[in-house]
Amino acid sequence: MECKNFKKNISNCNCTYEPCSRKGTCCECISYHRQNNELPACYFSKSEEATYNRSIAFFLKSRR
């Protein structure tokens, strides 16, 4: 299935994980991370994203 918002999504995607095949296809990205009890890169700041720690615990800790 092709994403009609792919161009817009990819321009806003801050994920730096290069082998990722889900960039720009947010529904696939969210589904993947949800299955792993994680959040996608777009929930994190640039410096947080660079750690590749997508855990919910890391997200909550960084917001305190």
PDB file of N, CA and C in Angstrom:
ATOM      1  N   MET A   1       0.842  -1.183   0.000  1.00  0.00           N
ATOM      2  CA  MET A   1       0.000   0.000   0.000  1.00  0.00           C
ATOM      3  C   MET A   1       0.882   1.239   0.000  1.00  0.00           C
ATOM      4  N   GLU A   2       0.553   2.156  -0.845  1.00  0.00           N
ATOM      5  CA  GLU A   2       1.333   3.379  -0.963  1.00  0.00           C
ATOM      6  C   GLU A   2       0.754   4.465  -0.059  1.00  0.00           C
ATOM      7  N   CYS A   3       1.606   5.208   0.590  1.00  0.00           N
ATOM      8  CA  CYS A   3       1.178   6.284   1.480  1.00  0.00           C
ATOM      9  C   CYS A   3       1.033   7.578   0.687  1.00  0.00           C
ATOM     10  N   LYS A   4      -0.156   8.177   0.715  1.00  0.00           N
ATOM     11  CA  LYS A   4      -0.377   9.410  -0.043  1.00  0.00           C
ATOM     12  C   LYS A   4       0.345  10.605   0.575  1.00  0.00           C
ATOM     13  N   ASN A   5       0.768  10.487   1.818  1.00  0.00           N
ATOM     14  CA  ASN A   5       1.465  11.579   2.505  1.00  0.00           C
ATOM     15  C   ASN A   5       2.966  11.347   2.609  1.00  0.00           C
ATOM     16  N   PHE A   6       3.497  10.403   1.853  1.00  0.00           N
ATOM     17  CA  PHE A   6       4.899  10.024   1.984  1.00  0.00           C
ATOM     18  C   PHE A   6       5.850  11.217   1.857  1.00  0.00           C
ATOM     19  N   LYS A   7       5.689  12.055   0.853  1.00  0.00           N
ATOM     20  CA  LYS A   7       6.606  13.186   0.644  1.00  0.00           C
ATOM     21  C   LYS A   7       6.589  14.137   1.835  1.00  0.00           C
ATOM     22  N   LYS A   8       5.416  14.434   2.336  1.00  0.00           N
ATOM     23  CA  LYS A   8       5.292  15.314   3.504  1.00  0.00           C
ATOM     24  C   LYS A   8       5.900  14.640   4.737  1.00  0.00           C
ATOM     25  N   ASN A   9       5.578  13.374   4.927  1.00  0.00           N
ATOM     26  CA  ASN A   9       6.085  12.638   6.088  1.00  0.00           C
ATOM     27  C   ASN A   9       7.607  12.549   6.088  1.00  0.00           C
ATOM     28  N   ILE A  10       8.182  12.199   4.950  1.00  0.00           N
ATOM     29  CA  ILE A  10       9.635  12.007   4.880  1.00  0.00           C
ATOM     30  C   ILE A  10      10.367  13.324   5.120  1.00  0.00           C
ATOM     31  N   SER A  11       9.764  14.435   4.720  1.00  0.00           N
ATOM     32  CA  SER A  11      10.415  15.732   4.938  1.00  0.00           C
ATOM     33  C   SER A  11      10.394  16.139   6.407  1.00  0.00           C
ATOM     34  N   ASN A  12       9.472  15.568   7.181  1.00  0.00           N
ATOM     35  CA  ASN A  12       9.376  15.873   8.612  1.00  0.00           C
ATOM     36  C   ASN A  12       9.976  14.787   9.505  1.00  0.00           C
ATOM     37  N   CYS A  13      10.405  13.691   8.911  1.00  0.00           N
ATOM     38  CA  CYS A  13      10.914  12.561   9.692  1.00  0.00           C
ATOM     39  C   CYS A  13      12.323  12.857  10.207  1.00  0.00           C
ATOM     40  N   ASN A  14      12.499  12.754  11.513  1.00  0.00           N
ATOM     41  CA  ASN A  14      13.808  13.037  12.109  1.00  0.00           C
ATOM     42  C   ASN A  14      14.592  11.769  12.442  1.00  0.00           C
ATOM     43  N   CYS A  15      14.132  10.626  11.978  1.00  0.00           N
ATOM     44  CA  CYS A  15      14.816   9.363  12.254  1.00  0.00           C
ATOM     45  C   CYS A  15      16.140   9.311  11.498  1.00  0.00           C
ATOM     46  N   THR A  16      17.212   9.037  12.224  1.00  0.00           N
ATOM     47  CA  THR A  16      18.539   8.957  11.601  1.00  0.00           C
ATOM     48  C   THR A  16      19.019   7.517  11.463  1.00  0.00           C
ATOM     49  N   TYR A  17      18.175   6.562  11.801  1.00  0.00           N
ATOM     50  CA  TYR A  17      18.534   5.149  11.670  1.00  0.00           C
ATOM     51  C   TYR A  17      18.451   4.782  10.194  1.00  0.00           C
ATOM     52  N   GLU A  18      19.610   4.677   9.554  1.00  0.00           N
ATOM     53  CA  GLU A  18      19.676   4.539   8.097  1.00  0.00           C
ATOM     54  C   GLU A  18      19.080   3.271   7.501  1.00  0.00           C
ATOM     55  N   PRO A  19      19.207   2.105   8.082  1.00  0.00           N
ATOM     56  CA  PRO A  19      18.597   0.965   7.396  1.00  0.00           C
ATOM     57  C   PRO A  19      17.074   0.883   7.547  1.00  0.00           C
ATOM     58  N   CYS A  20      16.448   1.879   8.157  1.00  0.00           N
ATOM     59  CA  CYS A  20      15.005   1.833   8.398  1.00  0.00           C
ATOM     60  C   CYS A  20      14.219   1.887   7.083  1.00  0.00           C
ATOM     61  N   SER A  21      13.357   0.921   6.899  1.00  0.00           N
ATOM     62  CA  SER A  21      12.524   0.858   5.690  1.00  0.00           C
ATOM     63  C   SER A  21      11.169   1.518   5.896  1.00  0.00           C
ATOM     64  N   ARG A  22      10.904   2.037   7.096  1.00  0.00           N
ATOM     65  CA  ARG A  22       9.602   2.613   7.416  1.00  0.00           C
ATOM     66  C   ARG A  22       9.581   4.135   7.373  1.00  0.00           C
ATOM     67  N   LYS A  23      10.702   4.764   7.096  1.00  0.00           N
ATOM     68  CA  LYS A  23      10.759   6.229   7.058  1.00  0.00           C
ATOM     69  C   LYS A  23       9.735   6.775   6.073  1.00  0.00           C
ATOM     70  N   GLY A  24       8.970   7.741   6.532  1.00  0.00           N
ATOM     71  CA  GLY A  24       7.971   8.372   5.682  1.00  0.00           C
ATOM     72  C   GLY A  24       6.644   7.639   5.629  1.00  0.00           C
ATOM     73  N   THR A  25       6.596   6.447   6.173  1.00  0.00           N
ATOM     74  CA  THR A  25       5.354   5.676   6.225  1.00  0.00           C
ATOM     75  C   THR A  25       4.991   5.535   7.701  1.00  0.00           C
ATOM     76  N   CYS A  26       4.417   6.593   8.229  1.00  0.00           N
ATOM     77  CA  CYS A  26       4.196   6.715   9.673  1.00  0.00           C
ATOM     78  C   CYS A  26       3.374   5.575  10.268  1.00  0.00           C
ATOM     79  N   CYS A  27       2.351   5.119   9.552  1.00  0.00           N
ATOM     80  CA  CYS A  27       1.526   4.041  10.116  1.00  0.00           C
ATOM     81  C   CYS A  27       2.354   2.780  10.339  1.00  0.00           C
ATOM     82  N   GLU A  28       3.281   2.484   9.440  1.00  0.00           N
ATOM     83  CA  GLU A  28       4.153   1.318   9.616  1.00  0.00           C
ATOM     84  C   GLU A  28       5.154   1.550  10.743  1.00  0.00           C
ATOM     85  N   CYS A  29       5.674   2.751  10.828  1.00  0.00           N
ATOM     86  CA  CYS A  29       6.644   3.103  11.871  1.00  0.00           C
ATOM     87  C   CYS A  29       6.007   2.998  13.260  1.00  0.00           C
ATOM     88  N   ILE A  30       4.845   3.592  13.409  1.00  0.00           N
ATOM     89  CA  ILE A  30       4.159   3.559  14.700  1.00  0.00           C
ATOM     90  C   ILE A  30       3.805   2.125  15.079  1.00  0.00           C
ATOM     91  N   SER A  31       3.309   1.366  14.128  1.00  0.00           N
ATOM     92  CA  SER A  31       2.962  -0.034  14.388  1.00  0.00           C
ATOM     93  C   SER A  31       4.184  -0.838  14.824  1.00  0.00           C
ATOM     94  N   TYR A  32       5.292  -0.652  14.132  1.00  0.00           N
ATOM     95  CA  TYR A  32       6.534  -1.360  14.469  1.00  0.00           C
ATOM     96  C   TYR A  32       6.984  -1.033  15.891  1.00  0.00           C
ATOM     97  N   HIS A  33       7.053   0.241  16.210  1.00  0.00           N
ATOM     98  CA  HIS A  33       7.531   0.638  17.539  1.00  0.00           C
ATOM     99  C   HIS A  33       6.532   0.258  18.631  1.00  0.00           C
ATOM    100  N   ARG A  34       5.261   0.332  18.331  1.00  0.00           N
ATOM    101  CA  ARG A  34       4.251  -0.059  19.315  1.00  0.00           C
ATOM    102  C   ARG A  34       4.393  -1.536  19.678  1.00  0.00           C
ATOM    103  N   GLN A  35       4.644  -2.385  18.689  1.00  0.00           N
ATOM    104  CA  GLN A  35       4.838  -3.815  18.946  1.00  0.00           C
ATOM    105  C   GLN A  35       6.035  -4.067  19.856  1.00  0.00           C
ATOM    106  N   ASN A  36       6.986  -3.133  19.852  1.00  0.00           N
ATOM    107  CA  ASN A  36       8.191  -3.260  20.673  1.00  0.00           C
ATOM    108  C   ASN A  36       8.132  -2.404  21.938  1.00  0.00           C
ATOM    109  N   ASN A  37       6.950  -1.922  22.287  1.00  0.00           N
ATOM    110  CA  ASN A  37       6.759  -1.041  23.448  1.00  0.00           C
ATOM    111  C   ASN A  37       7.677   0.170  23.387  1.00  0.00           C
ATOM    112  N   GLU A  38       7.736   0.780  22.215  1.00  0.00           N
ATOM    113  CA  GLU A  38       8.591   1.942  21.972  1.00  0.00           C
ATOM    114  C   GLU A  38       7.776   3.063  21.341  1.00  0.00           C
ATOM    115  N   LEU A  39       8.428   4.203  21.210  1.00  0.00           N
ATOM    116  CA  LEU A  39       7.875   5.342  20.480  1.00  0.00           C
ATOM    117  C   LEU A  39       8.775   5.624  19.287  1.00  0.00           C
ATOM    118  N   PRO A  40       8.210   6.149  18.200  1.00  0.00           N
ATOM    119  CA  PRO A  40       9.037   6.478  17.036  1.00  0.00           C
ATOM    120  C   PRO A  40       9.893   7.717  17.281  1.00  0.00           C
ATOM    121  N   ALA A  41      10.869   7.916  16.431  1.00  0.00           N
ATOM    122  CA  ALA A  41      11.830   9.021  16.558  1.00  0.00           C
ATOM    123  C   ALA A  41      11.168  10.384  16.672  1.00  0.00           C
ATOM    124  N   CYS A  42      10.033  10.573  16.011  1.00  0.00           N
ATOM    125  CA  CYS A  42       9.387  11.888  15.995  1.00  0.00           C
ATOM    126  C   CYS A  42       8.933  12.358  17.379  1.00  0.00           C
ATOM    127  N   TYR A  43       8.926  11.488  18.357  1.00  0.00           N
ATOM    128  CA  TYR A  43       8.583  11.874  19.729  1.00  0.00           C
ATOM    129  C   TYR A  43       9.776  12.448  20.490  1.00  0.00           C
ATOM    130  N   PHE A  44      10.956  12.349  19.918  1.00  0.00           N
ATOM    131  CA  PHE A  44      12.176  12.711  20.622  1.00  0.00           C
ATOM    132  C   PHE A  44      12.869  13.926  20.008  1.00  0.00           C
ATOM    133  N   SER A  45      13.607  14.650  20.844  1.00  0.00           N
ATOM    134  CA  SER A  45      14.431  15.760  20.360  1.00  0.00           C
ATOM    135  C   SER A  45      15.581  15.192  19.532  1.00  0.00           C
ATOM    136  N   LYS A  46      16.294  16.052  18.870  1.00  0.00           N
ATOM    137  CA  LYS A  46      17.416  15.612  18.032  1.00  0.00           C
ATOM    138  C   LYS A  46      18.456  14.847  18.852  1.00  0.00           C
ATOM    139  N   SER A  47      18.806  15.375  20.018  1.00  0.00           N
ATOM    140  CA  SER A  47      19.827  14.707  20.835  1.00  0.00           C
ATOM    141  C   SER A  47      19.310  13.393  21.421  1.00  0.00           C
ATOM    142  N   GLU A  48      18.044  13.349  21.808  1.00  0.00           N
ATOM    143  CA  GLU A  48      17.463  12.109  22.323  1.00  0.00           C
ATOM    144  C   GLU A  48      17.363  11.058  21.219  1.00  0.00           C
ATOM    145  N   GLU A  49      16.963  11.483  20.040  1.00  0.00           N
ATOM    146  CA  GLU A  49      16.825  10.558  18.913  1.00  0.00           C
ATOM    147  C   GLU A  49      18.156   9.915  18.572  1.00  0.00           C
ATOM    148  N   ALA A  50      19.224  10.666  18.697  1.00  0.00           N
ATOM    149  CA  ALA A  50      20.562  10.179  18.348  1.00  0.00           C
ATOM    150  C   ALA A  50      21.019   9.012  19.230  1.00  0.00           C
ATOM    151  N   THR A  51      20.376   8.814  20.377  1.00  0.00           N
ATOM    152  CA  THR A  51      20.724   7.687  21.246  1.00  0.00           C
ATOM    153  C   THR A  51      20.124   6.373  20.747  1.00  0.00           C
ATOM    154  N   TYR A  52      19.148   6.461  19.877  1.00  0.00           N
ATOM    155  CA  TYR A  52      18.383   5.307  19.366  1.00  0.00           C
ATOM    156  C   TYR A  52      17.621   4.580  20.467  1.00  0.00           C
ATOM    157  N   ASN A  53      17.502   5.197  21.629  1.00  0.00           N
ATOM    158  CA  ASN A  53      16.700   4.625  22.707  1.00  0.00           C
ATOM    159  C   ASN A  53      15.264   5.087  22.487  1.00  0.00           C
ATOM    160  N   ARG A  54      14.412   4.194  22.047  1.00  0.00           N
ATOM    161  CA  ARG A  54      13.020   4.532  21.732  1.00  0.00           C
ATOM    162  C   ARG A  54      12.059   4.085  22.835  1.00  0.00           C
ATOM    163  N   SER A  55      12.598   3.720  23.974  1.00  0.00           N
ATOM    164  CA  SER A  55      11.743   3.192  25.039  1.00  0.00           C
ATOM    165  C   SER A  55      10.829   4.273  25.610  1.00  0.00           C
ATOM    166  N   ILE A  56       9.681   3.824  26.084  1.00  0.00           N
ATOM    167  CA  ILE A  56       8.727   4.732  26.715  1.00  0.00           C
ATOM    168  C   ILE A  56       9.321   5.275  28.008  1.00  0.00           C
ATOM    169  N   ALA A  57      10.055   4.442  28.734  1.00  0.00           N
ATOM    170  CA  ALA A  57      10.700   4.881  29.981  1.00  0.00           C
ATOM    171  C   ALA A  57      11.681   6.020  29.715  1.00  0.00           C
ATOM    172  N   PHE A  58      12.471   5.912  28.655  1.00  0.00           N
ATOM    173  CA  PHE A  58      13.416   6.972  28.295  1.00  0.00           C
ATOM    174  C   PHE A  58      12.668   8.251  27.943  1.00  0.00           C
ATOM    175  N   PHE A  59      11.582   8.126  27.208  1.00  0.00           N
ATOM    176  CA  PHE A  59      10.767   9.283  26.847  1.00  0.00           C
ATOM    177  C   PHE A  59      10.242   9.979  28.098  1.00  0.00           C
ATOM    178  N   LEU A  60       9.669   9.216  29.017  1.00  0.00           N
ATOM    179  CA  LEU A  60       9.115   9.802  30.240  1.00  0.00           C
ATOM    180  C   LEU A  60      10.201  10.416  31.114  1.00  0.00           C
ATOM    181  N   LYS A  61      11.331   9.742  31.242  1.00  0.00           N
ATOM    182  CA  LYS A  61      12.443  10.251  32.045  1.00  0.00           C
ATOM    183  C   LYS A  61      12.954  11.579  31.492  1.00  0.00           C
ATOM    184  N   SER A  62      13.012  11.701  30.190  1.00  0.00           N
ATOM    185  CA  SER A  62      13.536  12.922  29.569  1.00  0.00           C
ATOM    186  C   SER A  62      12.568  14.089  29.674  1.00  0.00           C
ATOM    187  N   ARG A  63      11.335  13.831  30.080  1.00  0.00           N
ATOM    188  CA  ARG A  63      10.330  14.890  30.205  1.00  0.00           C
ATOM    189  C   ARG A  63      10.183  15.391  31.632  1.00  0.00           C
ATOM    190  N   ARG A  64      10.895  14.800  32.565  1.00  0.00           N
ATOM    191  CA  ARG A  64      10.762  15.213  33.978  1.00  0.00           C
ATOM    192  C   ARG A  64      11.658  16.350  34.316  1.00  0.00           C
TER     193      ARG A  64
END
